Amino acid sequence: MNFVDVAEAAKVNGSKWALLPFYKNGSPFDGEALQGQKIRPVWGMTLKAAGPMRFRWNEINPNRDSFLSELCQRYGAEKGGKRIVPLELIHSKIVYDVKEASDTFNKQGDGIVTQNKSLIPVVTVADCVPIYFCDAGTGAFGAAHSGWKGTGIAAQVVELMKKNYGSDPRDILCAIGPHIHDCCYLVDAERAKYFADNFGSDCVQKSSPDNKASQGQNARGGSGLFGQEQNFALSLLRANLNVLASAGVLEENIVAAKNCTACDERFGSFRREAAALDVPAQEKSRLFTTQAAFVIMESAEVNR
């Protein structure tokens, strides 16, 4: 498997957002020639410096709208341009197959799949795991938000790509973006058992005293953020790698970000920015920096 530093990649865009390649057979994937065009899939994510990317159907977020509009203009030079496919997230395993940007209007869920290269699927994250997909064979692509409750959504995406587009999992390229890592993510025994039973015992381990999250917990008096002892370090990366492996995705076709959103202050983080605040949940949900995660199918004339 390959690892990348998203914060370093973002420096070319003023440390506000990054765009990176998928990997195929252990190397960056430069795309394929399809219908007289070279199609190069890339995955991206905003950082904290880009500002909040929170999305709700009943809210207006000018900062998000401005950024995504510029993104469409920058990568939508071809006829018809690019259009954003938004989705209000609910920590589920619901994935939508979309043909047009309007197909998700007023819908809630956590994953988007399409074969329409004029679309840019967008999900939002802040400690949860952004997972990106591209089928090097059929050209289907998408993005998913995998919170702890939604772990396993990656398998749903792969299954939908197989069913609706004839994808072979061995041709599916995946990227796992910045999220909270096991260095900062402690859970209680019940959640640890749930993950070990459903996603592999290797994704949880007893926390050690030098674990960053353990040190923070001890400073608060030894109790977890949510009122229970949190003595197990959970690796959402390992859990999702196990899900992808079970779905048939090859390890050499996966790239993962090395960045932990909780300990790297260049990223927005629910745990670092808001989890410990003594405020109502609704207010708390607005006090951390949500980031946008997206997939773009870049187009260029072959041999241009």
Protein backbone atom coordinates (compact mmCIF):
# COMPACT_ATOMS: atom_id res chain seq x y z
CA MET A 1 0.00 0.00 0.00
CA ASN A 2 1.07 3.57 -0.66
CA PHE A 3 1.05 6.54 1.74
CA VAL A 4 0.86 10.26 0.96
CA ASP A 5 0.99 13.51 2.94
CA VAL A 6 -2.08 15.54 2.04
CA ALA A 7 -0.95 18.64 3.96
CA GLU A 8 2.28 18.75 1.98
CA ALA A 9 0.40 18.30 -1.29
CA ALA A 10 -1.86 21.22 -0.32
CA LYS A 11 1.04 23.67 -0.24
CA VAL A 12 0.75 24.22 -3.99
CA ASN A 13 -2.75 25.60 -3.34
CA GLY A 14 -1.83 27.85 -0.45
CA SER A 15 -2.29 25.01 2.06
CA LYS A 16 -6.04 25.31 1.60
CA TRP A 17 -6.75 22.20 -0.44
CA ALA A 18 -4.98 19.30 -2.07
CA LEU A 19 -5.43 17.21 -5.19
CA LEU A 20 -3.70 13.83 -5.48
CA PRO A 21 -3.56 10.85 -7.85
CA PHE A 22 -5.01 7.40 -7.36
CA TYR A 23 -2.56 4.51 -7.43
CA LYS A 24 -2.60 1.42 -9.64
CA ASN A 25 -0.22 -1.49 -9.13
CA GLY A 26 1.70 0.59 -6.60
CA SER A 27 2.29 3.64 -8.84
CA PRO A 28 0.41 6.90 -9.47
CA PHE A 29 -2.33 6.31 -12.04
CA ASP A 30 -2.13 8.70 -14.97
CA GLY A 31 -5.46 7.71 -16.49
CA GLU A 32 -6.65 6.00 -19.62
CA ALA A 33 -7.53 7.07 -23.16
CA LEU A 34 -11.30 6.91 -23.57
CA GLN A 35 -13.24 8.18 -26.59
CA GLY A 36 -10.40 10.39 -27.83
CA GLN A 37 -9.72 11.88 -24.41
CA LYS A 38 -7.30 11.06 -21.67
CA ILE A 39 -9.24 10.68 -18.44
CA ARG A 40 -7.21 11.12 -15.27
CA PRO A 41 -9.02 10.58 -11.97
CA VAL A 42 -7.84 12.60 -8.97
CA TRP A 43 -9.07 12.89 -5.40
CA GLY A 44 -8.99 15.95 -3.23
CA MET A 45 -9.82 17.51 0.11
CA THR A 46 -9.92 20.94 1.68
CA LEU A 47 -7.91 21.75 4.81
CA LYS A 48 -8.84 23.91 7.78
CA ALA A 49 -7.39 27.04 6.12
CA ALA A 50 -10.08 26.81 3.41
CA GLY A 51 -12.77 27.41 6.00
CA PRO A 52 -15.92 25.47 6.92
CA MET A 53 -17.48 23.22 4.28
CA ARG A 54 -20.50 22.20 6.35
CA PHE A 55 -23.51 21.20 4.23
CA ARG A 56 -27.19 20.95 5.11
CA TRP A 57 -30.03 21.24 2.62
CA ASN A 58 -31.75 23.88 4.77
CA GLU A 59 -28.62 26.01 5.22
CA ILE A 60 -26.53 28.34 3.09
CA ASN A 61 -22.74 28.18 3.31
CA PRO A 62 -21.22 30.93 1.12
CA ASN A 63 -17.69 29.75 1.85
CA ARG A 64 -18.42 26.26 0.56
CA ASP A 65 -20.37 27.55 -2.42
CA SER A 66 -17.53 29.86 -3.43
CA PHE A 67 -14.86 27.18 -3.17
CA LEU A 68 -16.81 24.54 -5.09
CA SER A 69 -17.78 27.04 -7.77
CA GLU A 70 -14.11 27.86 -8.33
CA LEU A 71 -13.30 24.16 -8.41
CA CYS A 72 -15.89 23.57 -11.14
CA GLN A 73 -14.53 26.47 -13.18
CA ARG A 74 -10.95 25.31 -12.83
CA TYR A 75 -11.60 21.70 -13.84
CA GLY A 76 -14.65 22.18 -16.03
CA ALA A 77 -13.13 23.74 -19.12
CA GLU A 78 -14.55 21.03 -21.38
CA LYS A 79 -17.97 21.43 -23.00
CA GLY A 80 -20.71 21.50 -20.39
CA GLY A 81 -18.32 22.10 -17.48
CA LYS A 82 -18.43 20.36 -14.12
CA ARG A 83 -21.27 20.16 -11.62
CA ILE A 84 -21.19 19.41 -7.91
CA VAL A 85 -23.11 16.46 -6.48
CA PRO A 86 -23.82 17.32 -2.80
CA LEU A 87 -25.19 15.03 -0.10
CA GLU A 88 -26.31 15.67 3.48
CA LEU A 89 -24.48 13.14 5.62
CA ILE A 90 -26.11 11.06 8.37
CA HIS A 91 -23.43 8.49 9.35
CA SER A 92 -25.06 5.67 7.42
CA LYS A 93 -24.11 3.10 4.77
CA ILE A 94 -26.47 4.59 2.19
CA VAL A 95 -24.88 5.03 -1.26
CA TYR A 96 -26.54 6.68 -4.27
CA ASP A 97 -25.85 5.92 -7.92
CA VAL A 98 -26.35 9.21 -9.74
CA LYS A 99 -26.65 10.16 -13.39
CA GLU A 100 -27.13 13.91 -12.89
CA ALA A 101 -26.20 16.36 -10.13
CA SER A 102 -29.85 16.77 -9.17
CA ASP A 103 -30.24 13.07 -8.35
CA THR A 104 -29.21 13.66 -4.72
CA PHE A 105 -31.40 16.73 -4.20
CA ASN A 106 -32.84 16.78 -0.65
CA LYS A 107 -31.44 13.31 0.00
CA GLN A 108 -29.41 12.09 2.96
CA GLY A 109 -26.77 9.40 2.93
CA ASP A 110 -23.02 8.93 2.90
CA GLY A 111 -21.85 7.76 -0.50
CA ILE A 112 -22.07 8.77 -4.17
CA VAL A 113 -21.22 6.70 -7.27
CA THR A 114 -21.45 7.82 -10.89
CA GLN A 115 -20.06 7.30 -14.37
CA ASN A 116 -20.84 10.84 -15.49
CA LYS A 117 -17.45 12.52 -15.81
CA SER A 118 -18.99 15.99 -15.74
CA LEU A 119 -19.94 15.47 -12.09
CA ILE A 120 -17.87 16.05 -8.94
CA PRO A 121 -19.17 13.94 -6.02
CA VAL A 122 -18.59 15.75 -2.72
CA VAL A 123 -18.89 14.50 0.87
CA THR A 124 -17.84 16.26 4.07
CA VAL A 125 -15.58 15.03 6.88
CA ALA A 126 -13.94 16.12 10.14
CA ASP A 127 -12.21 13.11 11.78
CA CYS A 128 -14.38 10.60 9.91
CA VAL A 129 -12.83 8.79 6.95
CA PRO A 130 -13.18 10.08 3.38
CA ILE A 131 -12.86 7.19 0.92
CA TYR A 132 -12.48 7.75 -2.80
CA PHE A 133 -13.09 5.27 -5.63
CA CYS A 134 -12.30 4.98 -9.32
CA ASP A 135 -12.73 2.00 -11.61
CA ALA A 136 -9.80 2.01 -14.03
CA GLY A 137 -11.78 -0.28 -16.33
CA THR A 138 -15.28 1.21 -16.59
CA GLY A 139 -14.59 4.78 -15.48
CA ALA A 140 -17.12 4.67 -12.65
CA PHE A 141 -16.05 6.74 -9.65
CA GLY A 142 -17.29 8.10 -6.36
CA ALA A 143 -16.73 9.18 -2.78
CA ALA A 144 -17.95 8.08 0.63
CA HIS A 145 -17.99 9.37 4.20
CA SER A 146 -17.17 6.57 6.62
CA GLY A 147 -17.86 7.49 10.24
CA TRP A 148 -17.52 4.81 12.87
CA LYS A 149 -21.23 3.98 12.56
CA GLY A 150 -20.88 3.78 8.80
CA THR A 151 -17.75 1.65 8.69
CA GLY A 152 -18.40 -0.90 5.97
CA ILE A 153 -19.81 1.64 3.51
CA ALA A 154 -16.76 1.00 1.32
CA ALA A 155 -18.07 -2.49 0.62
CA GLN A 156 -21.46 -1.01 -0.32
CA VAL A 157 -19.77 1.30 -2.83
CA VAL A 158 -17.83 -1.58 -4.41
CA GLU A 159 -20.98 -3.70 -4.59
CA LEU A 160 -22.94 -0.89 -6.26
CA MET A 161 -20.14 -0.36 -8.80
CA LYS A 162 -20.19 -4.09 -9.58
CA LYS A 163 -23.96 -4.23 -9.89
CA ASN A 164 -24.61 -1.06 -11.88
CA TYR A 165 -21.42 -0.67 -13.92
CA GLY A 166 -19.98 -4.17 -14.17
CA SER A 167 -16.89 -3.20 -12.18
CA ASP A 168 -14.28 -5.80 -11.33
CA PRO A 169 -13.02 -5.07 -7.79
CA ARG A 170 -9.48 -5.81 -9.00
CA ASP A 171 -9.75 -2.74 -11.25
CA ILE A 172 -11.09 -0.42 -8.53
CA LEU A 173 -8.60 2.13 -7.23
CA CYS A 174 -9.18 3.52 -3.73
CA ALA A 175 -7.82 6.39 -1.69
CA ILE A 176 -8.31 6.77 2.06
CA GLY A 177 -8.06 10.41 3.07
CA PRO A 178 -7.01 12.19 6.29
CA HIS A 179 -8.98 11.17 9.37
CA ILE A 180 -8.49 10.60 13.09
CA HIS A 181 -5.83 7.90 13.58
CA ASP A 182 -5.36 5.40 16.38
CA CYS A 183 -2.80 7.73 17.98
CA CYS A 184 -5.71 9.99 18.94
CA TYR A 185 -8.82 7.80 18.82
CA LEU A 186 -9.64 5.98 22.04
CA VAL A 187 -12.89 4.02 22.41
CA ASP A 188 -14.55 2.05 25.16
CA ALA A 189 -14.60 -1.73 25.43
CA GLU A 190 -18.02 -2.06 23.81
CA ARG A 191 -17.03 -0.20 20.65
CA ALA A 192 -13.67 -1.98 20.56
CA LYS A 193 -15.45 -5.34 20.62
CA TYR A 194 -17.84 -4.23 17.88
CA PHE A 195 -14.96 -3.35 15.58
CA ALA A 196 -12.91 -6.43 16.43
CA ASP A 197 -15.90 -8.70 15.78
CA ASN A 198 -16.96 -7.02 12.53
CA PHE A 199 -13.81 -5.57 10.98
CA GLY A 200 -10.89 -7.58 12.35
CA SER A 201 -9.12 -7.82 15.67
CA ASP A 202 -6.11 -5.99 14.22
CA CYS A 203 -7.99 -2.67 14.09
CA VAL A 204 -8.12 -2.32 17.89
CA GLN A 205 -5.50 -2.59 20.58
CA LYS A 206 -5.18 -1.82 24.25
CA SER A 207 -4.04 1.75 24.63
CA SER A 208 -0.50 2.35 25.85
CA PRO A 209 0.48 5.17 28.27
CA ASP A 210 2.41 6.98 25.53
CA ASN A 211 -0.62 7.12 23.24
CA LYS A 212 -1.46 10.79 22.58
CA ALA A 213 -5.12 10.25 23.31
CA SER A 214 -4.28 8.46 26.55
CA GLN A 215 -2.17 11.39 27.69
CA GLY A 216 -5.01 13.79 26.95
CA GLN A 217 -7.50 11.54 28.73
CA ASN A 218 -5.30 11.32 31.81
CA ALA A 219 -5.04 15.10 31.87
CA ARG A 220 -8.83 15.21 32.07
CA GLY A 221 -8.85 12.86 35.03
CA GLY A 222 -8.97 9.46 33.32
CA SER A 223 -12.50 9.51 31.93
CA GLY A 224 -13.47 9.44 28.28
CA LEU A 225 -15.08 12.29 26.40
CA PHE A 226 -18.41 10.52 26.49
CA GLY A 227 -18.53 9.42 30.11
CA GLN A 228 -16.98 5.94 29.83
CA GLU A 229 -13.45 4.66 30.20
CA GLN A 230 -11.82 4.68 26.77
CA ASN A 231 -8.93 2.28 26.97
CA PHE A 232 -8.69 0.97 23.40
CA ALA A 233 -7.02 2.62 20.40
CA LEU A 234 -9.09 2.19 17.26
CA SER A 235 -7.61 2.25 13.75
CA LEU A 236 -10.27 3.28 11.27
CA LEU A 237 -7.62 2.90 8.58
CA ARG A 238 -7.07 -0.77 9.36
CA ALA A 239 -10.82 -1.38 9.67
CA ASN A 240 -11.45 0.09 6.22
CA LEU A 241 -8.49 -1.72 4.68
CA ASN A 242 -10.00 -4.96 5.94
CA VAL A 243 -13.37 -4.00 4.44
CA LEU A 244 -11.78 -3.22 1.07
CA ALA A 245 -9.77 -6.44 1.08
CA SER A 246 -12.90 -8.47 1.78
CA ALA A 247 -14.62 -6.64 -1.10
CA GLY A 248 -11.85 -7.73 -3.47
CA VAL A 249 -9.91 -4.46 -3.82
CA LEU A 250 -6.17 -5.08 -4.26
CA GLU A 251 -3.75 -3.60 -1.73
CA GLU A 252 -1.49 -2.27 -4.49
CA ASN A 253 -4.43 -0.22 -5.77
CA ILE A 254 -4.91 1.63 -2.47
CA VAL A 255 -3.30 4.87 -1.32
CA ALA A 256 -3.80 6.27 2.18
CA ALA A 257 -3.11 9.64 3.78
CA LYS A 258 -0.66 9.55 6.66
CA ASN A 259 -2.26 12.64 8.25
CA CYS A 260 -4.21 12.41 11.51
CA THR A 261 -6.84 15.14 11.62
CA ALA A 262 -6.94 15.20 15.42
CA CYS A 263 -3.26 15.86 16.06
CA ASP A 264 -2.44 17.82 12.89
CA GLU A 265 -3.88 21.31 13.36
CA ARG A 266 -3.81 21.98 9.64
CA PHE A 267 -7.01 19.89 9.46
CA GLY A 268 -10.45 20.36 10.93
CA SER A 269 -11.27 17.94 13.75
CA PHE A 270 -14.39 17.32 15.79
CA ARG A 271 -12.43 15.79 18.67
CA ARG A 272 -9.79 18.51 18.83
CA GLU A 273 -12.03 21.51 18.22
CA ALA A 274 -15.41 20.68 19.71
CA ALA A 275 -15.87 17.30 21.42
CA ALA A 276 -14.90 18.45 24.92
CA LEU A 277 -16.82 21.73 24.84
CA ASP A 278 -19.64 22.06 27.34
CA VAL A 279 -22.28 23.28 24.90
CA PRO A 280 -25.44 21.76 23.40
CA ALA A 281 -24.89 19.24 20.60
CA GLN A 282 -26.49 21.47 17.96
CA GLU A 283 -24.14 24.33 18.80
CA LYS A 284 -21.17 21.97 19.06
CA SER A 285 -21.80 20.77 15.50
CA ARG A 286 -20.96 24.27 14.25
CA LEU A 287 -17.76 24.74 16.24
CA PHE A 288 -15.39 22.58 14.23
CA THR A 289 -14.13 22.89 10.67
CA THR A 290 -15.82 20.47 8.30
CA GLN A 291 -13.84 19.71 5.15
CA ALA A 292 -14.97 18.86 1.63
CA ALA A 293 -13.74 15.63 0.01
CA PHE A 294 -14.23 15.15 -3.72
CA VAL A 295 -13.29 13.17 -6.84
CA ILE A 296 -12.62 14.82 -10.21
CA MET A 297 -12.24 13.15 -13.59
CA GLU A 298 -9.75 15.37 -15.36
CA SER A 299 -9.98 15.39 -19.14
CA ALA A 300 -7.37 16.27 -21.75
CA GLU A 301 -6.94 15.50 -25.41
CA VAL A 302 -4.76 12.46 -26.00
CA ASN A 303 -1.18 13.45 -26.94
CA ARG A 304 -1.98 17.11 -26.41
